[in-house]
């Protein structure tokens, strides 16, 4: 088994293995390693319903993701290396239906490229429960989150430190200088969604405190240099209500302002979600409100941490108020583990429109997915995602996504 892993990791481990570490260090590097290959088949169809718009965006593509994670060498400071290889292949598209975000644009034809590939390497070091990663990063955090809603995930380039050396505390901090979009092979500078600006420095830090098993608090500070500063605070509480019942409260607040000489910027985002769980059923209700003279700023292409950020919309326009109703069901209670269902509806109003008047929008989502739990096809998943959007200031959309994925552990 070690010989097989050594062949896979020989190129990745070359720098570490030549530094004079003993056989035990190399064994730890390999013994704790992991490898998996994910095949992801993605069909995307978006129909535009407003007058004067294009008819639709529709594409079908196949993706492959190879994830390799080493262990750590022995010693006070352990070293390791991870790799992420990705390939996307066009199965069906056209010059009139491109632009789904599954494939890179082909500027010469007006359609999409036939294929694309990208490789990410991440060096890492660990002391006790403190870990440093440098290189290609994929992670989720309240002030910056990687997007994984298309064929291949979006990644960052930079450094990330996490520490859990103190009981019940988790500290996190990082620096990002580039972003690579889902359908891109190039790292680019960062901009703020709906705000603009251009920056190659995003810095953030903060921590999470698990006060009790049921209550946790989070705090963050983030800066997209020369564009915006952002402060975030969050609270999550789960109240047990008896056998099979609980009430979860998720509260979030952010305050954003300009950084450097960028134009005046002012946004305050408040949101909360309450979810009542009764055995296999979950019933949720959420509220989100934007205050200030600007929409909620976040890195373009990433996922904003908002309770009403859903399949298509973020409901984060100037002065917008939005409400959410959600229902989830887990079919394991009926003897079908792996089958899940979700539906939600979000309605927003009070939007400040450039053309004047009150902006209103709504979005309805439905997800149904199944992952095979055992047998030869274990880990094969199928998911159908459906969305309908209507707005008096944006696009009217009907959207369907069909995703078939299979993850094969390599060792």
Protein backbone atom coordinates (compact mmCIF):
# COMPACT_ATOMS: atom_id res chain seq x y z
CA UNK A 1 0.00 0.00 0.00
CA UNK A 2 2.84 2.40 0.87
CA UNK A 3 4.50 1.66 -2.47
CA UNK A 4 1.32 2.57 -4.32
CA UNK A 5 0.94 5.84 -2.38
CA UNK A 6 4.59 6.67 -2.92
CA UNK A 7 4.10 6.52 -6.68
CA UNK A 8 1.13 8.87 -6.48
CA UNK A 9 2.84 11.34 -4.17
CA UNK A 10 6.43 11.12 -5.37
CA UNK A 11 6.31 14.43 -7.21
CA UNK A 12 4.44 16.17 -4.41
CA UNK A 13 6.70 14.85 -1.66
CA UNK A 14 10.02 15.47 -3.43
CA UNK A 15 10.76 18.74 -1.70
CA UNK A 16 9.93 17.36 1.74
CA UNK A 17 11.58 13.96 1.37
CA UNK A 18 14.91 15.48 0.35
CA UNK A 19 15.19 17.58 3.49
CA UNK A 20 16.66 14.67 5.45
CA UNK A 21 13.58 13.38 7.25
CA UNK A 22 13.79 9.76 8.37
CA UNK A 23 11.71 6.83 7.29
CA UNK A 24 9.17 7.47 10.06
CA UNK A 25 8.53 10.99 8.78
CA UNK A 26 7.94 9.67 5.27
CA UNK A 27 5.68 6.94 6.63
CA UNK A 28 3.50 9.49 8.48
CA UNK A 29 3.37 11.60 5.32
CA UNK A 30 1.98 8.60 3.42
CA UNK A 31 0.07 6.67 6.09
CA UNK A 32 -2.34 9.54 6.75
CA UNK A 33 -2.76 10.47 3.09
CA UNK A 34 -6.09 10.39 1.28
CA UNK A 35 -7.07 10.34 -2.36
CA UNK A 36 -10.41 10.47 -4.16
CA UNK A 37 -11.72 10.99 -7.67
CA UNK A 38 -15.08 12.67 -8.24
CA UNK A 39 -16.91 12.53 -11.57
CA UNK A 40 -19.53 15.28 -11.90
CA UNK A 41 -22.04 15.39 -14.78
CA UNK A 42 -23.87 18.74 -14.92
CA UNK A 43 -26.85 19.83 -17.05
CA UNK A 44 -27.85 23.50 -16.72
CA UNK A 45 -30.89 25.19 -18.28
CA UNK A 46 -31.96 28.78 -17.59
CA UNK A 47 -34.97 30.22 -19.45
CA UNK A 48 -35.30 34.01 -19.58
CA UNK A 49 -38.94 35.03 -19.30
CA UNK A 50 -38.88 38.83 -19.62
CA UNK A 51 -39.47 40.51 -22.97
CA UNK A 52 -36.41 41.55 -24.92
CA UNK A 53 -34.09 39.01 -23.30
CA UNK A 54 -32.30 36.07 -24.91
CA UNK A 55 -34.28 32.84 -24.95
CA UNK A 56 -32.12 30.66 -22.73
CA UNK A 57 -28.70 29.58 -21.48
CA UNK A 58 -28.28 25.82 -21.75
CA UNK A 59 -25.20 23.58 -21.51
CA UNK A 60 -24.21 20.06 -20.55
CA UNK A 61 -20.72 19.19 -19.32
CA UNK A 62 -18.65 16.50 -17.60
CA UNK A 63 -16.16 17.30 -14.86
CA UNK A 64 -13.50 15.31 -13.03
CA UNK A 65 -11.94 16.34 -9.71
CA UNK A 66 -8.87 14.56 -8.30
CA UNK A 67 -8.22 15.41 -4.65
CA UNK A 68 -4.94 14.27 -3.05
CA UNK A 69 -4.16 15.03 0.60
CA UNK A 70 -0.93 14.01 2.29
CA UNK A 71 -0.43 13.38 5.96
CA UNK A 72 2.21 15.26 7.98
CA UNK A 73 5.83 14.44 8.50
CA UNK A 74 6.86 13.54 12.06
CA UNK A 75 8.30 16.10 14.45
CA UNK A 76 7.23 19.20 16.34
CA UNK A 77 6.39 20.84 13.04
CA UNK A 78 4.77 18.54 10.50
CA UNK A 79 4.82 19.32 6.79
CA UNK A 80 2.54 18.15 4.00
CA UNK A 81 1.27 18.88 0.52
CA UNK A 82 -2.17 18.66 -1.11
CA UNK A 83 -3.17 18.70 -4.78
CA UNK A 84 -6.42 19.45 -6.58
CA UNK A 85 -6.64 18.57 -10.28
CA UNK A 86 -9.74 19.49 -12.28
CA UNK A 87 -10.89 18.86 -15.85
CA UNK A 88 -14.08 20.05 -17.56
CA UNK A 89 -15.38 18.69 -20.88
CA UNK A 90 -18.16 20.13 -23.03
CA UNK A 91 -20.88 17.64 -23.96
CA UNK A 92 -23.42 20.01 -25.48
CA UNK A 93 -23.56 23.79 -26.04
CA UNK A 94 -24.04 26.38 -28.73
CA UNK A 95 -23.20 30.00 -29.52
CA UNK A 96 -26.74 31.01 -28.57
CA UNK A 97 -26.99 29.00 -25.37
CA UNK A 98 -23.56 29.51 -23.75
CA UNK A 99 -22.94 31.51 -20.60
CA UNK A 100 -24.11 29.10 -17.90
CA UNK A 101 -20.87 29.25 -15.92
CA UNK A 102 -20.10 25.58 -16.57
CA UNK A 103 -17.49 26.23 -19.28
CA UNK A 104 -15.09 29.06 -20.24
CA UNK A 105 -16.27 31.39 -22.98
CA UNK A 106 -14.85 30.99 -26.50
CA UNK A 107 -14.55 34.59 -27.69
CA UNK A 108 -13.91 33.62 -31.32
CA UNK A 109 -17.17 31.68 -31.73
CA UNK A 110 -19.36 33.31 -29.11
CA UNK A 111 -19.90 29.90 -27.52
CA UNK A 112 -17.92 27.89 -24.98
CA UNK A 113 -14.57 26.12 -25.09
CA UNK A 114 -14.53 22.35 -25.62
CA UNK A 115 -12.47 21.63 -22.51
CA UNK A 116 -10.40 23.18 -19.77
CA UNK A 117 -8.19 22.02 -16.90
CA UNK A 118 -6.60 23.46 -13.79
CA UNK A 119 -4.23 22.31 -11.06
CA UNK A 120 -3.94 23.60 -7.53
CA UNK A 121 -1.14 22.82 -5.06
CA UNK A 122 -1.26 23.61 -1.34
CA UNK A 123 1.70 23.40 1.02
CA UNK A 124 0.80 22.92 4.68
CA UNK A 125 2.44 22.86 8.10
CA UNK A 126 1.07 21.89 11.50
CA UNK A 127 2.08 22.43 15.12
CA UNK A 128 -0.22 20.75 17.63
CA UNK A 129 -3.72 21.89 16.56
CA UNK A 130 -2.57 24.92 14.59
CA UNK A 131 -2.39 24.53 10.80
CA UNK A 132 -1.05 26.77 8.05
CA UNK A 133 -1.97 26.29 4.38
CA UNK A 134 -0.39 28.24 1.51
CA UNK A 135 -1.32 27.99 -2.16
CA UNK A 136 -4.66 27.00 -3.66
CA UNK A 137 -7.44 27.29 -1.07
CA UNK A 138 -11.01 26.04 -0.97
CA UNK A 139 -12.91 26.82 2.23
CA UNK A 140 -16.08 28.37 3.66
CA UNK A 141 -16.17 31.19 6.22
CA UNK A 142 -18.70 33.90 7.21
CA UNK A 143 -16.70 36.65 5.47
CA UNK A 144 -15.47 34.71 2.41
CA UNK A 145 -16.59 31.37 0.96
CA UNK A 146 -15.60 29.37 -2.10
CA UNK A 147 -18.38 28.82 -4.62
CA UNK A 148 -19.13 25.23 -5.67
CA UNK A 149 -22.40 25.60 -7.57
CA UNK A 150 -21.15 24.81 -11.07
CA UNK A 151 -19.19 22.04 -12.80
CA UNK A 152 -15.91 22.80 -11.00
CA UNK A 153 -15.38 24.76 -7.75
CA UNK A 154 -14.05 28.29 -7.50
CA UNK A 155 -10.77 28.60 -5.57
CA UNK A 156 -8.59 31.26 -3.94
CA UNK A 157 -4.84 31.78 -3.85
CA UNK A 158 -3.25 32.78 -0.57
CA UNK A 159 -2.59 31.63 2.98
CA UNK A 160 -4.91 30.34 5.70
CA UNK A 161 -4.24 29.72 9.40
CA UNK A 162 -6.60 27.81 11.71
CA UNK A 163 -6.03 26.97 15.35
CA UNK A 164 -7.97 24.93 17.90
CA UNK A 165 -5.32 24.73 20.62
CA UNK A 166 -7.62 26.44 23.13
CA UNK A 167 -10.57 24.40 24.36
CA UNK A 168 -13.87 25.45 22.75
CA UNK A 169 -12.15 28.15 20.65
CA UNK A 170 -11.36 28.11 16.95
CA UNK A 171 -9.26 30.92 15.51
CA UNK A 172 -8.96 31.61 11.80
CA UNK A 173 -7.11 34.16 9.72
CA UNK A 174 -5.94 34.50 6.18
CA UNK A 175 -4.77 36.49 3.21
CA UNK A 176 -6.02 36.07 -0.38
CA UNK A 177 -4.46 37.78 -3.38
CA UNK A 178 -6.26 36.13 -6.30
CA UNK A 179 -9.48 34.32 -7.17
CA UNK A 180 -10.05 31.67 -9.85
CA UNK A 181 -13.66 31.51 -11.05
CA UNK A 182 -15.55 28.23 -11.50
CA UNK A 183 -15.17 28.20 -15.28
CA UNK A 184 -11.77 29.92 -15.48
CA UNK A 185 -8.21 28.59 -15.65
CA UNK A 186 -6.65 31.92 -14.61
CA UNK A 187 -6.27 33.64 -11.26
CA UNK A 188 -7.55 37.23 -11.39
CA UNK A 189 -7.72 40.24 -9.08
CA UNK A 190 -10.81 40.64 -6.92
CA UNK A 191 -13.77 43.00 -7.18
CA UNK A 192 -16.78 43.55 -4.92
CA UNK A 193 -20.16 42.37 -6.17
CA UNK A 194 -22.34 45.32 -7.30
CA UNK A 195 -19.79 47.70 -5.75
CA UNK A 196 -16.84 47.48 -8.12
CA UNK A 197 -13.30 48.38 -7.19
CA UNK A 198 -10.24 46.23 -7.85
CA UNK A 199 -7.91 44.66 -5.30
CA UNK A 200 -5.28 41.98 -4.91
CA UNK A 201 -5.41 41.92 -1.09
CA UNK A 202 -8.15 40.38 1.03
CA UNK A 203 -7.34 39.97 4.71
CA UNK A 204 -9.56 38.47 7.39
CA UNK A 205 -9.48 37.03 10.87
CA UNK A 206 -11.59 36.12 13.87
CA UNK A 207 -12.82 33.23 15.92
CA UNK A 208 -15.64 30.92 17.00
CA UNK A 209 -16.44 30.22 20.65
CA UNK A 210 -18.47 27.15 21.61
CA UNK A 211 -19.93 28.45 24.88
CA UNK A 212 -22.03 25.33 25.47
CA UNK A 213 -22.82 22.31 23.27
CA UNK A 214 -25.96 24.20 22.21
CA UNK A 215 -24.62 27.78 21.86
CA UNK A 216 -21.81 29.21 19.72
CA UNK A 217 -20.66 32.75 18.91
CA UNK A 218 -18.64 33.96 15.92
CA UNK A 219 -16.80 37.21 15.16
CA UNK A 220 -14.82 38.27 12.09
CA UNK A 221 -13.09 41.26 10.54
CA UNK A 222 -12.43 41.39 6.78
CA UNK A 223 -10.82 43.89 4.44
CA UNK A 224 -10.80 43.95 0.67
CA UNK A 225 -7.99 46.47 0.46
CA UNK A 226 -8.96 49.83 -1.07
CA UNK A 227 -12.57 48.66 -1.46
CA UNK A 228 -14.33 47.74 1.80
CA UNK A 229 -13.98 46.89 5.49
CA UNK A 230 -16.45 44.47 7.07
CA UNK A 231 -17.28 43.40 10.64
CA UNK A 232 -19.35 40.29 11.25
CA UNK A 233 -20.99 38.77 14.33
CA UNK A 234 -23.05 35.60 14.53
CA UNK A 235 -24.90 33.42 17.03
CA UNK A 236 -26.18 29.85 16.64
CA UNK A 237 -28.29 28.19 19.33
CA UNK A 238 -29.97 24.78 19.26
CA UNK A 239 -32.67 24.22 21.87
CA UNK A 240 -33.61 20.56 22.46
CA UNK A 241 -37.39 20.16 22.81
CA UNK A 242 -37.70 16.45 23.47
CA UNK A 243 -37.37 13.27 21.47
CA UNK A 244 -36.82 14.09 17.78
CA UNK A 245 -37.47 17.82 18.28
CA UNK A 246 -35.28 20.92 18.40
CA UNK A 247 -35.40 24.65 17.68
CA UNK A 248 -32.36 26.19 15.97
CA UNK A 249 -31.76 29.95 15.94
CA UNK A 250 -29.16 31.41 13.52
CA UNK A 251 -28.53 35.19 13.81
CA UNK A 252 -26.08 37.16 11.63
CA UNK A 253 -25.05 40.83 11.46
CA UNK A 254 -22.51 42.61 9.25
CA UNK A 255 -21.40 46.22 9.00
CA UNK A 256 -19.47 47.33 5.91
CA UNK A 257 -17.79 50.61 4.99
CA UNK A 258 -15.25 51.90 2.47
CA UNK A 259 -11.53 51.19 2.76
CA UNK A 260 -8.85 53.59 1.60
CA UNK A 261 -9.81 56.13 -1.03
CA UNK A 262 -12.66 54.09 -2.46
CA UNK A 263 -16.02 55.87 -2.82
CA UNK A 264 -18.24 56.22 0.24
CA UNK A 265 -19.74 52.86 1.15
CA UNK A 266 -22.30 52.05 3.84
CA UNK A 267 -24.15 48.77 4.38
CA UNK A 268 -25.56 47.03 7.42
CA UNK A 269 -26.94 43.53 6.88
CA UNK A 270 -29.06 41.80 9.49
CA UNK A 271 -30.51 38.30 9.12
CA UNK A 272 -31.98 35.52 11.17
CA UNK A 273 -33.29 32.01 10.56
CA UNK A 274 -35.33 29.90 12.99
CA UNK A 275 -35.75 26.19 12.20
CA UNK A 276 -38.04 23.79 14.02
CA UNK A 277 -37.08 20.12 13.54
CA UNK A 278 -39.62 17.38 14.17
CA UNK A 279 -38.13 13.95 13.42
CA UNK A 280 -37.67 13.88 9.61
CA UNK A 281 -39.35 17.28 9.08
CA UNK A 282 -37.73 20.72 9.29
CA UNK A 283 -39.70 23.97 9.13
CA UNK A 284 -37.76 27.22 8.74
CA UNK A 285 -38.58 30.94 8.73
CA UNK A 286 -36.07 33.68 7.95
CA UNK A 287 -35.82 37.46 7.75
CA UNK A 288 -33.08 39.61 6.20
CA UNK A 289 -32.72 43.37 5.94
CA UNK A 290 -30.25 45.70 4.24
CA UNK A 291 -29.67 49.19 5.65
CA UNK A 292 -27.44 52.00 4.43
CA UNK A 293 -26.80 53.54 1.04
CA UNK A 294 -25.20 50.51 -0.63
CA UNK A 295 -25.86 46.82 -1.30
CA UNK A 296 -24.06 44.12 0.70
CA UNK A 297 -20.42 43.88 -0.51
CA UNK A 298 -18.65 40.56 -1.04
CA UNK A 299 -15.99 39.23 -3.41
CA UNK A 300 -17.50 38.70 -6.86
CA UNK A 301 -17.76 34.99 -7.64
CA UNK A 302 -17.75 33.89 -4.00
CA UNK A 303 -20.73 32.96 -1.82
CA UNK A 304 -22.07 35.62 0.59
CA UNK A 305 -22.93 34.38 4.08
CA UNK A 306 -26.53 35.63 4.13
CA UNK A 307 -29.59 33.71 5.36
CA UNK A 308 -31.47 34.61 2.16
CA UNK A 309 -28.68 33.85 -0.30
CA UNK A 310 -30.22 30.92 -2.16
CA UNK A 311 -29.91 29.26 -5.60
CA UNK A 312 -29.91 32.41 -7.72
CA UNK A 313 -30.56 35.55 -5.66
CA UNK A 314 -28.90 37.04 -2.57
CA UNK A 315 -31.66 39.57 -1.72
CA UNK A 316 -28.94 42.03 -0.72
CA UNK A 317 -29.88 45.14 -2.73
CA UNK A 318 -30.05 48.66 -1.29
CA UNK A 319 -32.67 48.86 1.51
CA UNK A 320 -34.04 45.40 0.64
CA UNK A 321 -36.18 43.47 3.13
CA UNK A 322 -36.81 39.79 2.52
CA UNK A 323 -38.65 36.90 4.15
CA UNK A 324 -38.05 33.16 3.74
CA UNK A 325 -40.16 30.07 4.35
CA UNK A 326 -38.44 26.67 4.06
CA UNK A 327 -39.32 23.00 4.42
CA UNK A 328 -36.98 19.96 4.44
CA UNK A 329 -37.75 16.24 4.63
CA UNK A 330 -35.40 13.27 5.12
CA UNK A 331 -36.82 10.06 3.63
CA UNK A 332 -34.62 7.91 5.89
CA UNK A 333 -37.58 7.85 8.27
CA UNK A 334 -39.51 5.98 5.55
CA UNK A 335 -36.70 3.49 5.05
CA UNK A 336 -35.02 5.32 2.14
CA UNK A 337 -31.72 6.69 3.54
CA UNK A 338 -29.95 9.05 1.17
CA UNK A 339 -33.15 10.57 -0.29
CA UNK A 340 -33.80 14.19 0.72
CA UNK A 341 -36.19 16.96 -0.30
CA UNK A 342 -36.10 20.73 0.20
CA UNK A 343 -38.30 23.61 -0.92
CA UNK A 344 -38.18 27.31 0.01
CA UNK A 345 -39.67 30.64 -0.97
CA UNK A 346 -38.10 34.08 -0.49
CA UNK A 347 -39.87 37.39 -1.13
CA UNK A 348 -38.07 40.73 -1.16
CA UNK A 349 -39.32 44.33 -1.35
CA UNK A 350 -38.37 47.93 -0.52
CA UNK A 351 -35.49 47.81 -3.03
CA UNK A 352 -34.14 51.17 -4.15
CA UNK A 353 -34.31 51.10 -7.95
CA UNK A 354 -32.19 53.26 -10.22
CA UNK A 355 -35.30 53.95 -12.31
CA UNK A 356 -37.30 55.00 -9.25
CA UNK A 357 -40.12 53.28 -7.44
CA UNK A 358 -40.04 50.25 -5.16
CA UNK A 359 -38.24 47.15 -6.34
CA UNK A 360 -39.76 43.76 -5.61
CA UNK A 361 -38.60 40.20 -6.31
CA UNK A 362 -39.26 36.63 -5.28
CA UNK A 363 -37.61 33.26 -5.76
CA UNK A 364 -38.82 29.71 -5.26
CA UNK A 365 -36.41 26.73 -5.04
CA UNK A 366 -36.85 22.99 -4.93
CA UNK A 367 -34.12 20.36 -4.46
CA UNK A 368 -34.52 16.62 -4.49
CA UNK A 369 -31.47 14.39 -4.20
CA UNK A 370 -30.53 10.79 -3.67
CA UNK A 371 -27.16 9.26 -2.75
CA UNK A 372 -26.78 5.47 -2.90
CA UNK A 373 -25.65 4.32 0.55
CA UNK A 374 -24.17 0.87 -0.12
CA UNK A 375 -23.26 -1.69 -2.76
CA UNK A 376 -21.25 -1.35 -5.96
CA UNK A 377 -22.68 2.14 -6.67
CA UNK A 378 -22.15 3.55 -3.17
CA UNK A 379 -21.61 7.35 -3.25
CA UNK A 380 -23.40 7.77 -6.59
CA UNK A 381 -25.61 10.83 -6.21
CA UNK A 382 -28.34 12.41 -8.33
CA UNK A 383 -29.75 15.88 -7.61
CA UNK A 384 -32.37 17.99 -9.38
CA UNK A 385 -32.41 21.69 -8.51
CA UNK A 386 -35.28 23.87 -9.74
CA UNK A 387 -35.73 27.64 -9.35
CA UNK A 388 -38.20 30.32 -10.43
CA UNK A 389 -37.37 34.04 -10.13
CA UNK A 390 -39.59 37.03 -10.79
CA UNK A 391 -38.57 40.68 -10.40
CA UNK A 392 -39.64 44.18 -11.47
CA UNK A 393 -36.02 45.35 -11.68
CA UNK A 394 -34.02 42.26 -12.74
CA UNK A 395 -34.34 39.09 -14.79
CA UNK A 396 -37.34 36.76 -14.78
CA UNK A 397 -35.91 33.23 -14.80
CA UNK A 398 -36.92 29.59 -14.77
CA UNK A 399 -33.95 27.33 -14.05
CA UNK A 400 -33.21 23.62 -13.82
CA UNK A 401 -29.95 21.92 -12.87
CA UNK A 402 -29.45 18.16 -13.00
CA UNK A 403 -26.28 16.91 -11.33
CA UNK A 404 -25.04 13.31 -11.30
CA UNK A 405 -21.90 12.73 -9.24
CA UNK A 406 -19.82 9.77 -8.16
CA UNK A 407 -16.96 9.85 -5.70
CA UNK A 408 -14.43 7.00 -5.76
CA UNK A 409 -12.02 6.74 -2.81
CA UNK A 410 -8.57 5.85 -4.17
CA UNK A 411 -7.24 4.66 -0.80
